[in-house]
Protein backbone atom coordinates (compact mmCIF):
# COMPACT_ATOMS: atom_id res chain seq x y z
CA MET A 1 12.60 -24.60 7.19
CA LYS A 2 16.17 -23.78 7.30
CA ASN A 3 18.19 -23.64 3.92
CA ILE A 4 20.03 -26.94 5.03
CA ILE A 5 16.90 -28.93 4.90
CA THR A 6 16.12 -30.80 1.82
CA LYS A 7 12.76 -32.83 1.80
CA ILE A 8 12.97 -36.31 -0.11
CA PHE A 9 9.80 -38.17 -1.29
CA PHE A 10 10.99 -41.66 -1.32
CA PRO A 11 11.07 -44.28 1.44
CA LEU A 12 14.31 -45.05 3.79
CA TYR A 13 14.78 -48.55 2.26
CA LEU A 14 15.73 -47.18 -1.33
CA ILE A 15 18.44 -45.14 0.27
CA ILE A 16 19.76 -48.36 1.93
CA ILE A 17 19.52 -50.20 -1.39
CA MET A 18 21.17 -47.44 -3.32
CA GLY A 19 24.13 -47.71 -0.89
CA ALA A 20 24.17 -51.43 -1.31
CA CYS A 21 23.65 -52.13 -5.13
CA ASN A 22 27.30 -53.15 -5.65
CA LYS A 23 27.74 -55.23 -2.66
CA ASP A 24 26.86 -58.82 -1.67
CA THR A 25 23.57 -59.61 0.05
CA GLU A 26 25.43 -60.62 3.29
CA TYR A 27 25.80 -57.29 4.14
CA TYR A 28 21.94 -56.95 4.98
CA LYS A 29 22.65 -59.30 7.82
CA LEU A 30 24.85 -56.84 9.81
CA GLU A 31 23.15 -55.41 12.82
CA ASN A 32 22.47 -51.54 13.10
CA PRO A 33 25.02 -49.79 15.18
CA ALA A 34 24.13 -49.03 18.83
CA ASP A 35 22.28 -45.90 19.42
CA GLN A 36 25.01 -43.20 20.10
CA MET A 37 22.60 -40.25 18.96
CA LYS A 38 20.29 -40.46 21.72
CA ILE A 39 17.70 -38.07 20.06
CA LYS A 40 15.68 -35.99 22.76
CA ALA A 41 12.77 -33.62 22.37
CA SER A 42 12.54 -30.26 23.85
CA GLU A 43 8.79 -31.03 24.82
CA GLU A 44 7.02 -34.32 25.57
CA HIS A 45 3.59 -32.88 25.69
CA ILE A 46 2.47 -30.19 23.23
CA ILE A 47 -0.71 -28.30 22.98
CA LEU A 48 -0.65 -26.52 19.64
CA GLN A 49 -2.34 -23.13 19.63
CA LYS A 50 -3.32 -21.36 16.30
CA ALA A 51 -2.25 -18.05 17.53
CA ASP A 52 1.34 -19.51 17.81
CA GLU A 53 1.33 -21.07 14.45
CA THR A 54 4.69 -19.56 13.09
CA LYS A 55 6.40 -20.42 16.21
CA VAL A 56 8.71 -23.20 16.90
CA ALA A 57 6.58 -26.14 18.50
CA ILE A 58 9.28 -28.33 19.32
CA THR A 59 13.11 -29.17 18.51
CA PHE A 60 14.87 -32.54 18.36
CA SER A 61 18.41 -32.58 19.24
CA TRP A 62 21.00 -35.33 19.13
CA SER A 63 24.65 -36.36 19.67
CA LYS A 64 27.09 -37.34 16.94
CA ALA A 65 26.39 -40.73 15.54
CA THR A 66 28.98 -43.38 15.51
CA ASP A 67 32.06 -42.78 13.51
CA ARG A 68 32.02 -45.07 10.43
CA GLY A 69 35.72 -44.78 9.60
CA ALA A 70 37.81 -42.28 7.31
CA ASN A 71 36.10 -41.03 4.35
CA VAL A 72 32.63 -41.91 5.20
CA ASN A 73 30.18 -39.21 5.35
CA ILE A 74 27.29 -39.24 7.83
CA VAL A 75 23.86 -37.55 6.78
CA TYR A 76 21.02 -37.10 9.20
CA TYR A 77 17.37 -37.83 8.06
CA ILE A 78 14.27 -37.47 10.40
CA ARG A 79 10.69 -38.29 10.31
CA LEU A 80 7.59 -38.53 12.46
CA VAL A 81 5.43 -41.59 12.60
CA HIS A 82 2.18 -42.22 14.20
CA THR A 83 2.92 -44.64 17.31
CA GLU A 84 -0.22 -46.85 16.63
CA MET A 85 -0.62 -46.66 12.93
CA LYS A 86 3.09 -46.86 11.55
CA ASP A 87 1.63 -46.27 7.91
CA LEU A 88 1.03 -42.65 8.82
CA GLN A 89 4.46 -41.10 8.32
CA SER A 90 5.89 -37.58 7.58
CA GLU A 91 8.05 -36.90 4.79
CA LEU A 92 11.50 -38.19 5.23
CA ILE A 93 13.75 -35.11 5.73
CA LYS A 94 17.22 -34.84 5.01
CA VAL A 95 18.65 -32.57 7.87
CA GLY A 96 22.44 -32.91 6.50
CA ASN A 97 25.82 -33.87 8.03
CA ASP A 98 27.35 -32.16 11.24
CA THR A 99 23.83 -30.80 11.99
CA TYR A 100 22.75 -32.02 15.29
CA SER A 101 19.20 -30.44 15.67
CA PHE A 102 15.78 -29.95 13.70
CA SER A 103 12.64 -28.02 14.42
CA TRP A 104 8.89 -28.11 13.50
CA THR A 105 6.89 -24.98 13.86
CA VAL A 106 3.07 -25.15 15.25
CA ARG A 107 1.65 -24.83 11.83
CA GLU A 108 3.70 -27.66 10.48
CA LEU A 109 2.80 -30.14 13.15
CA ASN A 110 -0.99 -29.12 13.09
CA ASN A 111 -0.94 -29.48 9.34
CA LEU A 112 0.45 -33.20 9.80
CA LEU A 113 -2.07 -33.97 12.29
CA TYR A 114 -4.62 -32.65 9.84
CA ALA A 115 -3.29 -34.69 7.04
CA TRP A 116 -3.53 -38.08 9.27
CA ASN A 117 -7.20 -36.84 10.14
CA ILE A 118 -6.57 -36.44 13.95
CA ALA A 119 -9.54 -34.73 15.45
CA PRO A 120 -8.65 -31.20 16.89
CA GLY A 121 -8.57 -31.62 20.61
CA ASN A 122 -7.59 -35.28 20.68
CA GLU A 123 -4.12 -36.19 21.98
CA VAL A 124 -1.93 -38.34 19.80
CA ALA A 125 1.35 -40.18 20.34
CA ILE A 126 4.00 -39.70 17.78
CA ASP A 127 7.68 -41.12 17.44
CA ALA A 128 10.23 -39.10 15.88
CA GLU A 129 12.78 -41.38 14.15
CA LEU A 130 16.26 -40.31 13.45
CA PHE A 131 18.74 -42.13 11.03
CA ALA A 132 22.30 -41.60 10.50
CA VAL A 133 23.05 -42.90 6.96
CA PRO A 134 26.72 -43.35 5.75
CA GLU A 135 27.31 -41.99 2.26
CA ASN A 136 29.71 -43.59 -0.31
CA PRO A 137 31.36 -46.21 2.21
CA GLN A 138 33.41 -48.85 0.73
CA GLU A 139 30.95 -51.46 1.81
CA TYR A 140 27.22 -51.28 2.74
CA MET A 141 26.68 -49.91 6.34
CA LYS A 142 23.26 -50.08 8.01
CA PRO A 143 22.10 -46.70 9.36
CA GLU A 144 22.14 -45.90 12.91
CA MET A 145 18.78 -45.13 14.51
CA SER A 146 17.24 -43.28 17.28
CA LYS A 147 13.80 -42.65 18.48
CA THR A 148 11.90 -40.85 21.01
CA ARG A 149 8.10 -40.43 21.64
CA ILE A 150 6.24 -37.22 22.06
CA ASN A 151 2.40 -36.40 22.67
CA ILE A 152 0.53 -33.73 20.71
CA VAL A 153 -2.85 -32.06 20.80
CA GLY A 154 -3.86 -30.07 17.61
CA TYR A 155 -6.24 -27.48 16.91
CA ASP A 156 -8.87 -26.89 14.11
CA PRO A 157 -7.10 -25.03 11.29
CA SER A 158 -10.55 -23.51 10.16
CA ASN A 159 -10.89 -21.83 13.53
CA LYS A 160 -11.03 -18.50 11.59
CA LEU A 161 -12.97 -15.10 12.32
CA TYR A 162 -14.40 -13.13 9.60
CA LEU A 163 -15.35 -9.53 9.13
CA THR A 164 -18.91 -9.67 7.52
CA ILE A 165 -19.37 -6.09 5.84
CA GLN A 166 -22.85 -4.94 4.54
CA GLU A 167 -22.92 -2.45 1.87
CA GLY A 168 -26.56 -1.86 0.77
CA ASN A 169 -27.75 -5.23 -0.60
CA GLN A 170 -23.92 -6.66 -1.11
CA LYS A 171 -22.18 -8.68 1.41
CA ARG A 172 -18.62 -9.94 1.67
CA ASN A 173 -16.60 -11.62 4.04
CA LEU A 174 -12.85 -10.62 5.05
CA GLU A 175 -10.63 -13.08 7.12
CA MET A 176 -9.19 -11.38 10.20
CA ASN A 177 -5.49 -11.66 11.32
CA ILE A 178 -4.94 -13.68 14.58
CA LEU A 179 -2.59 -11.74 17.05
CA ASP A 180 -2.91 -13.92 19.80
CA LYS A 181 -5.24 -16.60 21.36
CA ASP A 182 -8.72 -15.47 20.79
CA ILE A 183 -7.84 -12.06 19.55
CA TYR A 184 -8.14 -11.06 15.99
CA ASN A 185 -7.57 -7.77 13.89
CA TRP A 186 -8.40 -6.37 10.78
CA GLN A 187 -7.21 -3.06 9.06
CA GLY A 188 -8.81 -1.39 6.09
CA GLU A 189 -11.12 1.12 4.30
CA LEU A 190 -14.67 1.17 5.41
CA SER A 191 -17.54 3.60 4.23
CA ASP A 192 -21.32 3.81 4.69
CA CYS A 193 -21.96 -0.05 5.85
CA GLU A 194 -22.78 -2.09 8.72
CA PHE A 195 -20.28 -4.94 9.85
CA TRP A 196 -20.36 -7.79 12.50
CA PHE A 197 -18.19 -11.02 12.88
CA VAL A 198 -18.86 -14.53 12.18
CA ARG A 199 -17.00 -17.81 12.57
CA ASN A 200 -18.04 -19.41 9.26
CA MET A 201 -18.61 -17.37 6.61
CA GLU A 202 -20.88 -19.95 4.63
CA LYS A 203 -23.30 -20.52 7.34
CA GLY A 204 -22.88 -16.99 8.91
CA ILE A 205 -23.05 -18.50 12.52
CA PRO A 206 -21.81 -18.33 15.33
CA ALA A 207 -21.60 -14.46 15.18
CA TYR A 208 -20.40 -11.65 17.37
CA MET A 209 -22.71 -8.57 17.40
CA LYS A 210 -22.62 -5.07 18.85
CA GLY A 211 -22.74 -5.21 22.68
CA ASP A 212 -24.44 -2.72 24.98
CA SER A 213 -21.40 -0.25 24.30
CA GLU A 214 -18.95 0.94 21.50
CA ASN A 215 -16.22 -1.54 23.34
CA THR A 216 -18.35 -4.69 23.74
CA ILE A 217 -19.50 -7.46 21.66
CA ASP A 218 -22.40 -10.07 22.28
CA TYR A 219 -22.08 -13.72 21.10
CA SER A 220 -24.89 -14.92 18.96
CA THR A 221 -25.63 -18.37 18.07
CA THR A 222 -28.27 -17.39 15.61
CA GLY A 223 -26.44 -14.48 13.86
CA GLU A 224 -29.01 -12.17 15.02
CA GLY A 225 -28.15 -8.96 17.06
CA LYS A 226 -27.26 -5.32 16.83
CA ARG A 227 -24.72 -4.20 13.97
CA PHE A 228 -21.70 -1.88 14.05
CA LYS A 229 -22.42 1.16 11.71
CA VAL A 230 -19.97 3.19 9.79
CA GLN A 231 -21.00 6.42 7.88
CA ASN A 232 -17.76 8.30 7.06
CA LEU A 233 -15.13 7.05 4.83
CA GLY A 234 -12.04 6.21 6.90
CA TYR A 235 -9.20 3.74 7.44
CA TYR A 236 -10.33 1.32 10.38
CA ASN A 237 -8.10 -0.73 12.65
CA ILE A 238 -10.53 -3.20 14.56
CA THR A 239 -9.26 -5.52 17.18
CA ILE A 240 -11.69 -8.10 18.82
CA ASN A 241 -11.02 -10.46 21.82
CA THR A 242 -13.79 -13.02 21.62
CA ASN A 243 -12.65 -14.50 24.95
CA LYS A 244 -13.49 -11.45 26.78
CA LEU A 245 -16.05 -9.89 24.40
CA GLU A 246 -14.35 -6.86 23.79
CA ILE A 247 -13.59 -4.81 20.58
CA THR A 248 -11.37 -1.74 20.05
CA ILE A 249 -12.20 0.59 16.84
CA VAL A 250 -9.64 3.10 15.89
CA SER A 251 -10.51 5.09 12.73
CA ASN A 252 -8.81 8.00 10.74
CA PRO A 253 -10.85 9.74 8.22
CA ILE A 254 -10.03 9.38 4.56
CA ASN A 255 -10.89 12.61 2.49
CA ARG A 256 -12.12 11.82 -0.97
CA LEU A 257 -14.00 14.35 -3.55
CA PHE A 258 -15.38 13.49 -6.91
CA LEU A 259 -16.39 15.68 -9.66
CA VAL A 260 -19.91 14.83 -11.30
CA THR A 261 -20.11 16.73 -14.73
CA SER A 262 -23.26 17.13 -16.73
CA LYS A 263 -23.44 17.83 -20.46
CA ASP A 264 -26.29 17.16 -22.88
CA GLY A 265 -28.09 14.81 -20.40
CA ILE A 266 -24.91 12.72 -19.70
CA GLU A 267 -23.31 12.67 -16.42
CA THR A 268 -19.55 11.58 -15.60
CA ILE A 269 -17.80 11.10 -12.58
CA LYS A 270 -14.07 11.54 -11.77
CA ALA A 271 -11.78 11.55 -8.73
CA LEU A 272 -10.07 14.86 -8.03
CA ASN A 273 -6.44 14.93 -6.46
CA GLU A 274 -6.14 16.12 -2.98
CA ILE A 275 -3.35 18.64 -2.76
CA GLU A 276 -1.81 17.31 0.02
CA SER A 277 -2.93 14.14 2.38
CA GLY A 278 -5.16 15.40 5.18
CA THR A 279 -5.83 18.71 3.75
CA ASP A 280 -9.30 18.05 2.23
CA ILE A 281 -8.45 20.51 -0.72
CA TYR A 282 -8.54 19.22 -4.17
CA TYR A 283 -7.13 20.75 -7.48
CA LEU A 284 -7.99 19.96 -11.22
CA LYS A 285 -6.64 21.37 -14.40
CA GLU A 286 -8.81 20.18 -17.41
CA VAL A 287 -10.72 21.30 -20.55
CA PHE A 288 -14.39 22.28 -19.99
CA GLU A 289 -16.77 22.62 -22.82
CA ALA A 290 -19.09 25.72 -22.65
CA ASP A 291 -22.21 25.29 -20.61
CA THR A 292 -20.97 22.21 -18.69
CA GLU A 293 -22.47 21.91 -15.47
CA PHE A 294 -20.79 20.12 -12.29
CA ARG A 295 -20.98 19.49 -8.81
CA PHE A 296 -19.35 17.55 -6.28
CA VAL A 297 -19.68 14.13 -4.15
CA ARG A 298 -17.89 12.16 -1.45
CA ASN A 299 -18.71 8.82 -2.83
CA ILE A 300 -18.06 7.58 -6.16
CA HIS A 301 -21.02 5.24 -6.10
CA GLN A 302 -23.49 8.11 -5.06
CA VAL A 303 -23.87 11.32 -7.39
CA TRP A 304 -26.50 12.52 -4.45
CA PRO A 305 -26.25 14.00 -2.03
CA ALA A 306 -23.81 16.46 -3.65
CA PHE A 307 -22.21 19.80 -3.14
CA THR A 308 -23.61 22.47 -5.48
CA LYS A 309 -23.44 26.14 -6.16
CA GLY A 310 -23.89 28.14 -2.78
CA ALA A 311 -24.83 31.87 -2.49
CA ALA A 312 -21.85 32.88 -4.56
CA ASP A 313 -20.06 31.29 -7.60
CA THR A 314 -17.21 30.70 -5.00
CA THR A 315 -19.11 28.74 -2.22
CA LEU A 316 -20.66 25.17 -2.01
CA GLU A 317 -23.59 24.06 -0.17
CA LEU A 318 -24.89 20.48 0.35
CA ASN A 319 -28.14 19.29 -1.18
CA ASN A 320 -29.73 15.87 -0.98
CA GLU A 321 -31.01 16.39 -4.48
CA GLY A 322 -31.26 19.27 -6.75
CA GLY A 323 -29.94 22.78 -6.19
CA GLU A 324 -28.09 25.05 -8.74
CA MET A 325 -25.02 23.52 -10.22
CA PHE A 326 -21.83 25.16 -11.16
CA LYS A 327 -21.27 25.86 -15.13
CA SER A 328 -18.48 26.79 -17.23
CA THR A 329 -19.05 29.94 -19.44
CA LYS A 330 -16.91 28.81 -22.31
CA THR A 331 -14.71 26.12 -23.63
CA ALA A 332 -11.38 26.45 -22.28
CA THR A 333 -8.83 25.03 -20.06
CA TYR A 334 -9.80 25.72 -16.36
CA VAL A 335 -8.08 25.34 -13.17
CA MET A 336 -10.17 24.33 -10.13
CA THR A 337 -9.17 24.38 -6.37
CA VAL A 338 -11.89 22.85 -3.98
CA ASN A 339 -11.49 23.50 -0.26
CA MET A 340 -13.74 21.43 1.76
CA LYS A 341 -12.80 22.97 4.83
CA ASN A 342 -14.37 26.27 4.12
CA LEU A 343 -16.67 24.94 1.39
CA SER A 344 -15.21 27.34 -1.35
CA LEU A 345 -14.27 27.02 -4.89
CA ILE A 346 -12.04 28.72 -7.33
CA PHE A 347 -12.97 27.89 -10.92
CA LEU A 348 -11.01 30.15 -13.44
CA ASP A 349 -10.27 29.80 -17.18
CA ILE A 350 -6.64 30.13 -18.09
CA TYR A 351 -4.22 30.76 -20.90
CA VAL A 352 -2.30 27.67 -22.05
CA SER A 353 1.00 28.24 -23.75
CA PRO A 354 1.36 26.44 -26.98
CA THR A 355 5.04 25.74 -26.64
CA GLY A 356 4.71 24.16 -23.33
CA ASP A 357 6.87 25.52 -20.20
CA ILE A 358 7.25 29.27 -19.90
CA ALA A 359 10.60 30.72 -18.81
CA VAL A 360 12.00 34.26 -18.23
CA VAL A 361 15.05 35.28 -20.34
CA GLY A 362 17.01 38.50 -20.90
CA ASP A 363 19.97 40.54 -19.79
CA ALA A 364 18.20 41.68 -16.89
CA VAL A 365 17.77 38.22 -15.74
CA VAL A 366 20.97 37.14 -14.01
CA ASP A 367 20.55 33.35 -14.26
CA ALA A 368 19.60 33.14 -17.94
CA GLY A 369 20.83 36.46 -19.98
CA TRP A 370 19.96 35.68 -23.43
CA ASP A 371 20.46 31.97 -23.29
CA ALA A 372 17.09 30.43 -24.19
CA GLY A 373 18.34 26.71 -23.25
CA GLY A 374 19.55 27.92 -19.86
CA ALA A 375 16.36 29.99 -19.21
CA ILE A 376 14.25 26.83 -19.51
CA GLN A 377 16.57 24.83 -17.15
CA ARG A 378 16.87 27.38 -14.49
CA CYS A 379 14.34 30.22 -14.92
CA LYS A 380 11.14 28.47 -15.50
CA LEU A 381 7.97 29.72 -14.11
CA THR A 382 6.01 27.30 -11.83
CA GLN A 383 2.90 27.02 -9.77
CA LYS A 384 3.69 28.04 -6.04
CA ASP A 385 0.28 28.41 -4.45
CA LEU A 386 -2.45 25.79 -5.74
CA ILE A 387 -4.74 26.49 -2.88
CA ASN A 388 -5.12 30.32 -3.13
CA ARG A 389 -3.93 31.18 -6.46
CA PRO A 390 -3.86 28.32 -8.88
CA GLU A 391 -4.03 30.65 -12.19
CA VAL A 392 -0.76 32.32 -11.03
CA ILE A 393 2.89 30.96 -12.03
CA SER A 394 5.92 32.69 -11.04
CA TYR A 395 9.90 32.63 -11.07
CA THR A 396 11.89 34.16 -8.17
CA GLY A 397 15.42 35.07 -8.88
CA ASN A 398 18.01 37.72 -9.29
CA PHE A 399 17.20 40.72 -11.52
CA THR A 400 20.15 43.51 -12.38
CA TYR A 401 19.78 46.83 -13.66
CA LYS A 402 22.45 48.63 -15.53
CA SER A 403 22.86 52.19 -15.55
CA SER A 404 24.19 52.32 -19.04
CA GLY A 405 25.24 50.08 -22.08
CA SER A 406 22.39 47.68 -21.71
CA GLU A 407 18.52 47.16 -22.56
CA ASN A 408 17.86 45.93 -18.86
CA ALA A 409 15.25 43.87 -20.76
CA PHE A 410 13.43 40.65 -20.54
CA LYS A 411 10.88 38.66 -22.37
CA PHE A 412 9.25 34.98 -22.07
CA ILE A 413 10.08 31.85 -24.08
CA GLY A 414 8.52 28.30 -24.22
CA ASP A 415 10.81 25.27 -24.37
CA SER A 416 13.58 26.98 -25.92
CA ASN A 417 11.27 28.59 -28.54
CA TRP A 418 11.64 32.27 -28.59
CA GLY A 419 7.98 32.76 -28.60
CA ASN A 420 7.61 36.40 -29.37
CA GLY A 421 4.06 35.98 -28.42
CA ILE A 422 4.13 34.72 -25.08
CA PHE A 423 2.95 37.59 -22.57
CA ALA A 424 4.41 40.29 -24.79
CA LEU A 425 3.67 43.88 -24.50
CA PHE A 426 0.64 45.58 -26.28
CA ALA A 427 3.23 47.98 -27.56
CA ASN A 428 6.73 48.51 -26.84
CA SER A 429 6.28 50.59 -23.67
CA ASN A 430 9.46 51.72 -22.30
CA PRO A 431 10.07 51.35 -19.38
CA PHE A 432 7.96 48.52 -17.82
CA ASP A 433 5.36 49.56 -15.61
CA PRO A 434 5.40 47.41 -12.48
CA ASN A 435 1.78 47.87 -11.56
CA GLN A 436 0.59 44.55 -12.96
CA GLN A 437 0.45 45.53 -16.65
CA TYR A 438 -1.73 43.70 -19.08
CA ALA A 439 0.00 41.61 -21.57
CA THR A 440 -0.98 39.69 -24.88
CA THR A 441 -0.20 36.94 -26.68
CA ASP A 442 -0.03 38.63 -30.24
CA SER A 443 3.09 36.94 -31.85
CA SER A 444 3.97 40.02 -34.23
CA GLY A 445 7.20 41.81 -33.49
CA ASP A 446 10.01 41.15 -31.02
CA ARG A 447 8.53 43.06 -28.06
CA LYS A 448 10.49 42.93 -24.74
CA TRP A 449 9.72 44.33 -21.16
CA GLN A 450 12.21 46.84 -19.85
CA LEU A 451 12.89 47.44 -16.27
CA PRO A 452 12.40 51.11 -15.23
CA SER A 453 15.39 53.25 -14.20
CA THR A 454 14.43 53.14 -10.53
CA THR A 455 14.77 49.12 -10.21
CA ALA A 456 17.31 48.28 -7.74
CA THR A 457 19.38 45.05 -8.47
CA GLY A 458 18.17 42.16 -6.30
CA VAL A 459 15.84 39.28 -5.88
CA TYR A 460 12.30 39.68 -7.44
CA THR A 461 9.46 37.49 -7.88
CA LEU A 462 7.98 37.60 -11.54
CA GLU A 463 4.28 36.47 -11.72
CA LEU A 464 2.01 35.77 -14.71
CA ASN A 465 -1.64 35.63 -14.06
CA LEU A 466 -2.77 33.14 -16.70
CA HIS A 467 -6.49 34.18 -16.22
CA THR A 468 -6.39 37.90 -16.20
CA MET A 469 -3.25 38.23 -18.42
CA LYS A 470 -1.31 40.53 -16.09
CA ILE A 471 2.28 40.43 -15.02
CA ASN A 472 3.53 41.45 -11.81
CA PHE A 473 6.92 42.08 -10.65
CA ILE A 474 7.66 42.10 -6.72
CA LYS A 475 10.56 43.28 -4.83
CA LEU A 476 11.51 40.84 -2.14
């Protein structure tokens, strides 16, 4: 309905009485004004279709009512009345003033017929009654009235189509959307199931089953016939034309992977995060207890078949049940990257900084200097390649070497903590060996790295390998 429309739930005679409560009864003897409004309908005969239920079915329009004099405001009301059974009426609807049309949608008209118990497919005559009611006149004035007749044929509002999905022993029915007459659509996820279509979800009949080809359906009064089958998880867009007995199924695969861990006879399952939608590559950072076994599955409801250990610790193979599982060697934090495109696995224990984020600071670092807070903001080491090197974090920026008067040094800090033990030197070697020198987390002493004299000022990538405990300094 338009915003100007207000539904009121009391009969018209109350409006008339309220308008005349302070006047003599002789005013009731006044005649109704002649009809100047001449209400008209946009259609005389209407066959309502469920496919059009949100569209406008009919519009009534009229001319301005009789002028009742200065300071008399005219307000228009409209209702629908069953021509033969006058007690069947719609609500009286206040249209407003200075408004000369009103519309009903297909759904609104059909709901009215349904409420009146008019059988779908039966034509019924309805009168549209329009009233022009004076508001706040000095004396009571009868409303002006105009009327027109239309004929309407309604539809069965329960004429729906359901997608029936059979998953193992469980069955569910999903209402399909109506796109047009006899055309229905449903979109959503399906996996490892069978499906068909029914008109009545309680009775399961009549039904539409799989036809002789992938693009046809068969009408079945008994509900028997071939079913459509889905094996791979995907997002399905299904459109069915029950008149032409045609079906279109468009599917896009959905990649999901679940980690099944086994420890002391107890198995748990959790979802892995896809690195980027559509890549079918997954990442996890988590603490594993020593001797925890694990494998991977596609369906959270099925722990077999599963992807287990292949010919090497870095490969996967599919087994219906059994097979050697992967295993953690010690209790530690691990990073895991599972590439289902080439069935490969990276599973490495890593060092976890006790002070949180790791940043590089020092007079050799242009954007940090010896400002710990600035280093955390501007020179933090981050993960750049989860697919191939999930154990490596790095920082890329400007490094400078001064020929005199400077240490040309740098070190690592964590969350504004000077953290002397974060990737420190084993000893105060001078200068820094750029060939992936081993580091330690021993916190004794203030040990810095120092750029070698051959270092050219410029942009470098400084890498920390959290698994091998090596650092690397690469000129770009």
